[in-house]
Amino acid sequence: MSPLLKNTLDMHNVDVQEFFKVVDECKGAVYLITEDGNRLNLKSKLCQIIGITKLIQGGSINEVEIACDDKEDESKLFRFNLYGKSPIK
């Protein structure tokens, strides 16, 4: 866990397209925590490309650590991690 962010979420076997749909729905910043401890803001399309290309294997994300500024976003991504699809609005 990053020392700068208290709450992180470990996500496993994530569909990349659906994941970014949920990230786009988030109100605040969503960070991908790299193995080196760097934080990439996934609201930035450039950071999405940089961060995800190293994690993708066969069209899905095997394991990733995510942190959110907004508690509702964290809850939304947690539900996505459990059910594998965008939450119903």
PDB file of N, CA and C in Angstrom:
ATOM      1  N   MET A   1       0.842  -1.180   0.000  1.00  0.00           N
ATOM      2  CA  MET A   1       0.000   0.000   0.000  1.00  0.00           C
ATOM      3  C   MET A   1       0.882   1.235   0.000  1.00  0.00           C
ATOM      4  N   SER A   2       0.484   2.212  -0.769  1.00  0.00           N
ATOM      5  CA  SER A   2       1.232   3.452  -0.871  1.00  0.00           C
ATOM      6  C   SER A   2       1.150   4.236   0.430  1.00  0.00           C
ATOM      7  N   PRO A   3       2.256   4.822   0.905  1.00  0.00           N
ATOM      8  CA  PRO A   3       2.207   5.593   2.136  1.00  0.00           C
ATOM      9  C   PRO A   3       1.406   6.888   1.980  1.00  0.00           C
ATOM     10  N   LEU A   4       1.227   7.363   0.748  1.00  0.00           N
ATOM     11  CA  LEU A   4       0.497   8.607   0.520  1.00  0.00           C
ATOM     12  C   LEU A   4      -1.014   8.405   0.518  1.00  0.00           C
ATOM     13  N   LEU A   5      -1.447   7.193   0.215  1.00  0.00           N
ATOM     14  CA  LEU A   5      -2.868   6.905   0.146  1.00  0.00           C
ATOM     15  C   LEU A   5      -3.208   5.837   1.174  1.00  0.00           C
ATOM     16  N   LYS A   6      -4.194   6.108   2.003  1.00  0.00           N
ATOM     17  CA  LYS A   6      -4.534   5.192   3.086  1.00  0.00           C
ATOM     18  C   LYS A   6      -5.298   3.973   2.585  1.00  0.00           C
ATOM     19  N   ASN A   7      -6.269   4.188   1.700  1.00  0.00           N
ATOM     20  CA  ASN A   7      -7.111   3.089   1.247  1.00  0.00           C
ATOM     21  C   ASN A   7      -6.797   2.745  -0.193  1.00  0.00           C
ATOM     22  N   THR A   8      -6.458   1.498  -0.421  1.00  0.00           N
ATOM     23  CA  THR A   8      -6.260   1.021  -1.778  1.00  0.00           C
ATOM     24  C   THR A   8      -7.127  -0.202  -1.998  1.00  0.00           C
ATOM     25  N   LEU A   9      -7.340  -0.509  -3.251  1.00  0.00           N
ATOM     26  CA  LEU A   9      -8.201  -1.615  -3.649  1.00  0.00           C
ATOM     27  C   LEU A   9      -7.413  -2.498  -4.604  1.00  0.00           C
ATOM     28  N   ASP A  10      -7.288  -3.763  -4.288  1.00  0.00           N
ATOM     29  CA  ASP A  10      -6.643  -4.715  -5.186  1.00  0.00           C
ATOM     30  C   ASP A  10      -7.708  -5.293  -6.102  1.00  0.00           C
ATOM     31  N   MET A  11      -7.482  -5.193  -7.401  1.00  0.00           N
ATOM     32  CA  MET A  11      -8.438  -5.702  -8.377  1.00  0.00           C
ATOM     33  C   MET A  11      -7.784  -6.839  -9.144  1.00  0.00           C
ATOM     34  N   HIS A  12      -8.582  -7.844  -9.495  1.00  0.00           N
ATOM     35  CA  HIS A  12      -8.066  -9.036 -10.166  1.00  0.00           C
ATOM     36  C   HIS A  12      -8.933  -9.384 -11.367  1.00  0.00           C
ATOM     37  N   ASN A  13      -8.296  -9.887 -12.428  1.00  0.00           N
ATOM     38  CA  ASN A  13      -9.001 -10.366 -13.626  1.00  0.00           C
ATOM     39  C   ASN A  13     -10.046  -9.364 -14.120  1.00  0.00           C
ATOM     40  N   VAL A  14      -9.599  -8.167 -14.440  1.00  0.00           N
ATOM     41  CA  VAL A  14     -10.482  -7.065 -14.819  1.00  0.00           C
ATOM     42  C   VAL A  14     -10.553  -6.943 -16.334  1.00  0.00           C
ATOM     43  N   ASP A  15     -11.771  -6.821 -16.875  1.00  0.00           N
ATOM     44  CA  ASP A  15     -11.970  -6.529 -18.289  1.00  0.00           C
ATOM     45  C   ASP A  15     -11.585  -5.068 -18.518  1.00  0.00           C
ATOM     46  N   VAL A  16     -10.619  -4.827 -19.384  1.00  0.00           N
ATOM     47  CA  VAL A  16     -10.047  -3.496 -19.571  1.00  0.00           C
ATOM     48  C   VAL A  16     -11.086  -2.483 -20.047  1.00  0.00           C
ATOM     49  N   GLN A  17     -11.858  -2.830 -21.070  1.00  0.00           N
ATOM     50  CA  GLN A  17     -12.869  -1.896 -21.595  1.00  0.00           C
ATOM     51  C   GLN A  17     -13.882  -1.520 -20.532  1.00  0.00           C
ATOM     52  N   GLU A  18     -14.416  -2.492 -19.834  1.00  0.00           N
ATOM     53  CA  GLU A  18     -15.406  -2.215 -18.791  1.00  0.00           C
ATOM     54  C   GLU A  18     -14.790  -1.418 -17.643  1.00  0.00           C
ATOM     55  N   PHE A  19     -13.548  -1.739 -17.299  1.00  0.00           N
ATOM     56  CA  PHE A  19     -12.861  -1.022 -16.229  1.00  0.00           C
ATOM     57  C   PHE A  19     -12.769   0.467 -16.543  1.00  0.00           C
ATOM     58  N   PHE A  20     -12.372   0.802 -17.780  1.00  0.00           N
ATOM     59  CA  PHE A  20     -12.239   2.216 -18.127  1.00  0.00           C
ATOM     60  C   PHE A  20     -13.587   2.916 -18.248  1.00  0.00           C
ATOM     61  N   LYS A  21     -14.642   2.185 -18.561  1.00  0.00           N
ATOM     62  CA  LYS A  21     -15.982   2.774 -18.531  1.00  0.00           C
ATOM     63  C   LYS A  21     -16.318   3.220 -17.111  1.00  0.00           C
ATOM     64  N   VAL A  22     -16.004   2.372 -16.138  1.00  0.00           N
ATOM     65  CA  VAL A  22     -16.269   2.699 -14.736  1.00  0.00           C
ATOM     66  C   VAL A  22     -15.372   3.861 -14.287  1.00  0.00           C
ATOM     67  N   VAL A  23     -14.101   3.843 -14.663  1.00  0.00           N
ATOM     68  CA  VAL A  23     -13.184   4.933 -14.307  1.00  0.00           C
ATOM     69  C   VAL A  23     -13.714   6.256 -14.860  1.00  0.00           C
ATOM     70  N   ASP A  24     -14.214   6.248 -16.100  1.00  0.00           N
ATOM     71  CA  ASP A  24     -14.755   7.472 -16.701  1.00  0.00           C
ATOM     72  C   ASP A  24     -15.983   7.988 -15.947  1.00  0.00           C
ATOM     73  N   GLU A  25     -16.727   7.100 -15.295  1.00  0.00           N
ATOM     74  CA  GLU A  25     -17.906   7.492 -14.513  1.00  0.00           C
ATOM     75  C   GLU A  25     -17.536   8.064 -13.142  1.00  0.00           C
ATOM     76  N   CYS A  26     -16.314   7.853 -12.701  1.00  0.00           N
ATOM     77  CA  CYS A  26     -15.895   8.313 -11.375  1.00  0.00           C
ATOM     78  C   CYS A  26     -15.803   9.832 -11.297  1.00  0.00           C
ATOM     79  N   LYS A  27     -16.145  10.373 -10.136  1.00  0.00           N
ATOM     80  CA  LYS A  27     -16.133  11.821  -9.916  1.00  0.00           C
ATOM     81  C   LYS A  27     -14.728  12.361  -9.676  1.00  0.00           C
ATOM     82  N   GLY A  28     -13.953  11.659  -8.870  1.00  0.00           N
ATOM     83  CA  GLY A  28     -12.618  12.111  -8.500  1.00  0.00           C
ATOM     84  C   GLY A  28     -11.534  11.354  -9.232  1.00  0.00           C
ATOM     85  N   ALA A  29     -10.311  11.605  -8.818  1.00  0.00           N
ATOM     86  CA  ALA A  29      -9.160  10.939  -9.420  1.00  0.00           C
ATOM     87  C   ALA A  29      -9.125   9.471  -9.010  1.00  0.00           C
ATOM     88  N   VAL A  30      -8.712   8.627  -9.950  1.00  0.00           N
ATOM     89  CA  VAL A  30      -8.518   7.204  -9.715  1.00  0.00           C
ATOM     90  C   VAL A  30      -7.071   6.919 -10.084  1.00  0.00           C
ATOM     91  N   TYR A  31      -6.328   6.364  -9.132  1.00  0.00           N
ATOM     92  CA  TYR A  31      -4.901   6.140  -9.336  1.00  0.00           C
ATOM     93  C   TYR A  31      -4.577   4.667  -9.459  1.00  0.00           C
ATOM     94  N   LEU A  32      -3.719   4.341 -10.406  1.00  0.00           N
ATOM     95  CA  LEU A  32      -3.133   3.021 -10.498  1.00  0.00           C
ATOM     96  C   LEU A  32      -1.800   3.115  -9.781  1.00  0.00           C
ATOM     97  N   ILE A  33      -1.582   2.242  -8.809  1.00  0.00           N
ATOM     98  CA  ILE A  33      -0.335   2.229  -8.053  1.00  0.00           C
ATOM     99  C   ILE A  33       0.590   1.203  -8.721  1.00  0.00           C
ATOM    100  N   THR A  34       1.735   1.660  -9.200  1.00  0.00           N
ATOM    101  CA  THR A  34       2.674   0.763  -9.875  1.00  0.00           C
ATOM    102  C   THR A  34       3.489  -0.016  -8.850  1.00  0.00           C
ATOM    103  N   GLU A  35       4.220  -1.007  -9.319  1.00  0.00           N
ATOM    104  CA  GLU A  35       5.086  -1.800  -8.441  1.00  0.00           C
ATOM    105  C   GLU A  35       6.138  -0.925  -7.767  1.00  0.00           C
ATOM    106  N   ASP A  36       6.524   0.165  -8.441  1.00  0.00           N
ATOM    107  CA  ASP A  36       7.523   1.085  -7.896  1.00  0.00           C
ATOM    108  C   ASP A  36       6.930   2.095  -6.919  1.00  0.00           C
ATOM    109  N   GLY A  37       5.611   2.080  -6.744  1.00  0.00           N
ATOM    110  CA  GLY A  37       4.951   3.013  -5.852  1.00  0.00           C
ATOM    111  C   GLY A  37       4.503   4.301  -6.517  1.00  0.00           C
ATOM    112  N   ASN A  38       4.676   4.407  -7.838  1.00  0.00           N
ATOM    113  CA  ASN A  38       4.210   5.586  -8.561  1.00  0.00           C
ATOM    114  C   ASN A  38       2.695   5.550  -8.685  1.00  0.00           C
ATOM    115  N   ARG A  39       2.092   6.735  -8.734  1.00  0.00           N
ATOM    116  CA  ARG A  39       0.646   6.845  -8.898  1.00  0.00           C
ATOM    117  C   ARG A  39       0.350   7.433 -10.264  1.00  0.00           C
ATOM    118  N   LEU A  40      -0.426   6.705 -11.063  1.00  0.00           N
ATOM    119  CA  LEU A  40      -0.834   7.187 -12.376  1.00  0.00           C
ATOM    120  C   LEU A  40      -2.316   7.510 -12.321  1.00  0.00           C
ATOM    121  N   ASN A  41      -2.675   8.762 -12.626  1.00  0.00           N
ATOM    122  CA  ASN A  41      -4.066   9.184 -12.594  1.00  0.00           C
ATOM    123  C   ASN A  41      -4.780   8.636 -13.828  1.00  0.00           C
ATOM    124  N   LEU A  42      -5.661   7.668 -13.625  1.00  0.00           N
ATOM    125  CA  LEU A  42      -6.334   7.002 -14.732  1.00  0.00           C
ATOM    126  C   LEU A  42      -7.430   7.840 -15.374  1.00  0.00           C
ATOM    127  N   LYS A  43      -7.672   9.030 -14.877  1.00  0.00           N
ATOM    128  CA  LYS A  43      -8.593   9.933 -15.553  1.00  0.00           C
ATOM    129  C   LYS A  43      -7.908  10.529 -16.789  1.00  0.00           C
ATOM    130  N   SER A  44      -6.591  10.451 -16.841  1.00  0.00           N
ATOM    131  CA  SER A  44      -5.792  10.903 -17.980  1.00  0.00           C
ATOM    132  C   SER A  44      -5.650   9.750 -18.966  1.00  0.00           C
ATOM    133  N   LYS A  45      -6.022   9.977 -20.202  1.00  0.00           N
ATOM    134  CA  LYS A  45      -5.918   8.927 -21.223  1.00  0.00           C
ATOM    135  C   LYS A  45      -4.462   8.535 -21.450  1.00  0.00           C
ATOM    136  N   LEU A  46      -3.531   9.483 -21.375  1.00  0.00           N
ATOM    137  CA  LEU A  46      -2.116   9.169 -21.539  1.00  0.00           C
ATOM    138  C   LEU A  46      -1.643   8.229 -20.422  1.00  0.00           C
ATOM    139  N   CYS A  47      -2.036   8.514 -19.189  1.00  0.00           N
ATOM    140  CA  CYS A  47      -1.659   7.633 -18.066  1.00  0.00           C
ATOM    141  C   CYS A  47      -2.298   6.257 -18.211  1.00  0.00           C
ATOM    142  N   GLN A  48      -3.502   6.207 -18.774  1.00  0.00           N
ATOM    143  CA  GLN A  48      -4.141   4.908 -19.006  1.00  0.00           C
ATOM    144  C   GLN A  48      -3.280   4.063 -19.933  1.00  0.00           C
ATOM    145  N   ILE A  49      -2.803   4.673 -20.993  1.00  0.00           N
ATOM    146  CA  ILE A  49      -1.990   3.942 -21.966  1.00  0.00           C
ATOM    147  C   ILE A  49      -0.676   3.495 -21.335  1.00  0.00           C
ATOM    148  N   ILE A  50      -0.013   4.400 -20.645  1.00  0.00           N
ATOM    149  CA  ILE A  50       1.282   4.093 -20.033  1.00  0.00           C
ATOM    150  C   ILE A  50       1.139   3.017 -18.962  1.00  0.00           C
ATOM    151  N   GLY A  51       0.175   3.191 -18.071  1.00  0.00           N
ATOM    152  CA  GLY A  51       0.030   2.282 -16.939  1.00  0.00           C
ATOM    153  C   GLY A  51      -0.497   0.914 -17.282  1.00  0.00           C
ATOM    154  N   ILE A  52      -1.438   0.854 -18.182  1.00  0.00           N
ATOM    155  CA  ILE A  52      -2.121  -0.405 -18.437  1.00  0.00           C
ATOM    156  C   ILE A  52      -1.360  -1.314 -19.398  1.00  0.00           C
ATOM    157  N   THR A  53      -0.592  -0.751 -20.320  1.00  0.00           N
ATOM    158  CA  THR A  53       0.091  -1.599 -21.299  1.00  0.00           C
ATOM    159  C   THR A  53       1.000  -2.630 -20.631  1.00  0.00           C
ATOM    160  N   LYS A  54       1.579  -2.299 -19.498  1.00  0.00           N
ATOM    161  CA  LYS A  54       2.458  -3.231 -18.800  1.00  0.00           C
ATOM    162  C   LYS A  54       1.675  -4.293 -18.020  1.00  0.00           C
ATOM    163  N   LEU A  55       0.416  -4.031 -17.731  1.00  0.00           N
ATOM    164  CA  LEU A  55      -0.367  -4.939 -16.889  1.00  0.00           C
ATOM    165  C   LEU A  55      -1.279  -5.874 -17.665  1.00  0.00           C
ATOM    166  N   ILE A  56      -1.515  -5.559 -18.937  1.00  0.00           N
ATOM    167  CA  ILE A  56      -2.471  -6.348 -19.718  1.00  0.00           C
ATOM    168  C   ILE A  56      -1.841  -7.649 -20.195  1.00  0.00           C
ATOM    169  N   GLN A  57      -2.573  -8.719 -19.979  1.00  0.00           N
ATOM    170  CA  GLN A  57      -2.179 -10.025 -20.509  1.00  0.00           C
ATOM    171  C   GLN A  57      -3.441 -10.687 -21.045  1.00  0.00           C
ATOM    172  N   GLY A  58      -3.526 -10.847 -22.350  1.00  0.00           N
ATOM    173  CA  GLY A  58      -4.688 -11.502 -22.949  1.00  0.00           C
ATOM    174  C   GLY A  58      -5.960 -10.693 -22.873  1.00  0.00           C
ATOM    175  N   GLY A  59      -5.877  -9.368 -22.841  1.00  0.00           N
ATOM    176  CA  GLY A  59      -7.061  -8.517 -22.861  1.00  0.00           C
ATOM    177  C   GLY A  59      -7.676  -8.232 -21.511  1.00  0.00           C
ATOM    178  N   SER A  60      -7.067  -8.717 -20.430  1.00  0.00           N
ATOM    179  CA  SER A  60      -7.596  -8.402 -19.104  1.00  0.00           C
ATOM    180  C   SER A  60      -6.451  -8.050 -18.168  1.00  0.00           C
ATOM    181  N   ILE A  61      -6.779  -7.332 -17.116  1.00  0.00           N
ATOM    182  CA  ILE A  61      -5.795  -6.957 -16.112  1.00  0.00           C
ATOM    183  C   ILE A  61      -5.772  -8.077 -15.081  1.00  0.00           C
ATOM    184  N   ASN A  62      -4.630  -8.714 -14.894  1.00  0.00           N
ATOM    185  CA  ASN A  62      -4.552  -9.814 -13.941  1.00  0.00           C
ATOM    186  C   ASN A  62      -4.622  -9.323 -12.507  1.00  0.00           C
ATOM    187  N   GLU A  63      -3.841  -8.313 -12.167  1.00  0.00           N
ATOM    188  CA  GLU A  63      -3.856  -7.786 -10.805  1.00  0.00           C
ATOM    189  C   GLU A  63      -3.372  -6.346 -10.839  1.00  0.00           C
ATOM    190  N   VAL A  64      -4.064  -5.478 -10.109  1.00  0.00           N
ATOM    191  CA  VAL A  64      -3.698  -4.070 -10.075  1.00  0.00           C
ATOM    192  C   VAL A  64      -4.125  -3.477  -8.737  1.00  0.00           C
ATOM    193  N   GLU A  65      -3.363  -2.507  -8.250  1.00  0.00           N
ATOM    194  CA  GLU A  65      -3.710  -1.797  -7.022  1.00  0.00           C
ATOM    195  C   GLU A  65      -4.229  -0.418  -7.416  1.00  0.00           C
ATOM    196  N   ILE A  66      -5.410  -0.077  -6.929  1.00  0.00           N
ATOM    197  CA  ILE A  66      -6.103   1.156  -7.280  1.00  0.00           C
ATOM    198  C   ILE A  66      -6.373   1.957  -6.010  1.00  0.00           C
ATOM    199  N   ALA A  67      -6.301   3.289  -6.117  1.00  0.00           N
ATOM    200  CA  ALA A  67      -6.674   4.176  -5.018  1.00  0.00           C
ATOM    201  C   ALA A  67      -7.554   5.282  -5.583  1.00  0.00           C
ATOM    202  N   CYS A  68      -8.500   5.761  -4.773  1.00  0.00           N
ATOM    203  CA  CYS A  68      -9.438   6.797  -5.213  1.00  0.00           C
ATOM    204  C   CYS A  68      -9.449   7.949  -4.225  1.00  0.00           C
ATOM    205  N   ASP A  69      -9.674   9.151  -4.748  1.00  0.00           N
ATOM    206  CA  ASP A  69      -9.850  10.321  -3.894  1.00  0.00           C
ATOM    207  C   ASP A  69     -11.248  10.340  -3.279  1.00  0.00           C
ATOM    208  N   ASP A  70     -12.220   9.832  -4.000  1.00  0.00           N
ATOM    209  CA  ASP A  70     -13.628   9.894  -3.609  1.00  0.00           C
ATOM    210  C   ASP A  70     -14.098   8.531  -3.107  1.00  0.00           C
ATOM    211  N   LYS A  71     -14.717   8.491  -1.935  1.00  0.00           N
ATOM    212  CA  LYS A  71     -15.210   7.231  -1.341  1.00  0.00           C
ATOM    213  C   LYS A  71     -16.272   6.556  -2.214  1.00  0.00           C
ATOM    214  N   GLU A  72     -17.131   7.350  -2.871  1.00  0.00           N
ATOM    215  CA  GLU A  72     -18.147   6.768  -3.749  1.00  0.00           C
ATOM    216  C   GLU A  72     -17.499   6.065  -4.941  1.00  0.00           C
ATOM    217  N   ASP A  73     -16.429   6.652  -5.463  1.00  0.00           N
ATOM    218  CA  ASP A  73     -15.703   6.030  -6.567  1.00  0.00           C
ATOM    219  C   ASP A  73     -15.073   4.720  -6.121  1.00  0.00           C
ATOM    220  N   GLU A  74     -14.524   4.720  -4.920  1.00  0.00           N
ATOM    221  CA  GLU A  74     -13.922   3.505  -4.368  1.00  0.00           C
ATOM    222  C   GLU A  74     -14.977   2.401  -4.255  1.00  0.00           C
ATOM    223  N   SER A  75     -16.152   2.762  -3.789  1.00  0.00           N
ATOM    224  CA  SER A  75     -17.247   1.809  -3.662  1.00  0.00           C
ATOM    225  C   SER A  75     -17.688   1.292  -5.037  1.00  0.00           C
ATOM    226  N   LYS A  76     -17.757   2.192  -6.013  1.00  0.00           N
ATOM    227  CA  LYS A  76     -18.144   1.829  -7.373  1.00  0.00           C
ATOM    228  C   LYS A  76     -17.143   0.830  -7.965  1.00  0.00           C
ATOM    229  N   LEU A  77     -15.857   1.093  -7.783  1.00  0.00           N
ATOM    230  CA  LEU A  77     -14.825   0.199  -8.312  1.00  0.00           C
ATOM    231  C   LEU A  77     -14.788  -1.131  -7.547  1.00  0.00           C
ATOM    232  N   PHE A  78     -15.087  -1.093  -6.259  1.00  0.00           N
ATOM    233  CA  PHE A  78     -15.173  -2.328  -5.474  1.00  0.00           C
ATOM    234  C   PHE A  78     -16.293  -3.217  -6.010  1.00  0.00           C
ATOM    235  N   ARG A  79     -17.467  -2.618  -6.273  1.00  0.00           N
ATOM    236  CA  ARG A  79     -18.592  -3.383  -6.831  1.00  0.00           C
ATOM    237  C   ARG A  79     -18.246  -3.930  -8.210  1.00  0.00           C
ATOM    238  N   PHE A  80     -17.565  -3.112  -9.016  1.00  0.00           N
ATOM    239  CA  PHE A  80     -17.136  -3.574 -10.335  1.00  0.00           C
ATOM    240  C   PHE A  80     -16.199  -4.774 -10.205  1.00  0.00           C
ATOM    241  N   ASN A  81     -15.284  -4.701  -9.247  1.00  0.00           N
ATOM    242  CA  ASN A  81     -14.341  -5.803  -9.024  1.00  0.00           C
ATOM    243  C   ASN A  81     -15.077  -7.092  -8.635  1.00  0.00           C
ATOM    244  N   LEU A  82     -16.140  -6.961  -7.863  1.00  0.00           N
ATOM    245  CA  LEU A  82     -16.927  -8.137  -7.442  1.00  0.00           C
ATOM    246  C   LEU A  82     -17.764  -8.720  -8.574  1.00  0.00           C
ATOM    247  N   TYR A  83     -18.455  -7.833  -9.317  1.00  0.00           N
ATOM    248  CA  TYR A  83     -19.441  -8.293 -10.287  1.00  0.00           C
ATOM    249  C   TYR A  83     -18.960  -8.251 -11.725  1.00  0.00           C
ATOM    250  N   GLY A  84     -17.847  -7.547 -12.015  1.00  0.00           N
ATOM    251  CA  GLY A  84     -17.273  -7.552 -13.352  1.00  0.00           C
ATOM    252  C   GLY A  84     -17.987  -6.738 -14.399  1.00  0.00           C
ATOM    253  N   LYS A  85     -18.848  -5.826 -13.983  1.00  0.00           N
ATOM    254  CA  LYS A  85     -19.516  -4.953 -14.945  1.00  0.00           C
ATOM    255  C   LYS A  85     -19.801  -3.622 -14.298  1.00  0.00           C
ATOM    256  N   SER A  86     -20.102  -2.648 -15.122  1.00  0.00           N
ATOM    257  CA  SER A  86     -20.395  -1.306 -14.627  1.00  0.00           C
ATOM    258  C   SER A  86     -21.643  -1.332 -13.760  1.00  0.00           C
ATOM    259  N   PRO A  87     -21.605  -0.682 -12.584  1.00  0.00           N
ATOM    260  CA  PRO A  87     -22.783  -0.659 -11.716  1.00  0.00           C
ATOM    261  C   PRO A  87     -23.945   0.058 -12.384  1.00  0.00           C
ATOM    262  N   ILE A  88     -25.150  -0.371 -12.078  1.00  0.00           N
ATOM    263  CA  ILE A  88     -26.356   0.258 -12.615  1.00  0.00           C
ATOM    264  C   ILE A  88     -26.533   1.606 -11.946  1.00  0.00           C
ATOM    265  N   LYS A  89     -26.835   2.609 -12.755  1.00  0.00           N
ATOM    266  CA  LYS A  89     -27.037   3.968 -12.224  1.00  0.00           C
ATOM    267  C   LYS A  89     -28.426   4.102 -11.642  1.00  0.00           C
TER     268      LYS A  89
END
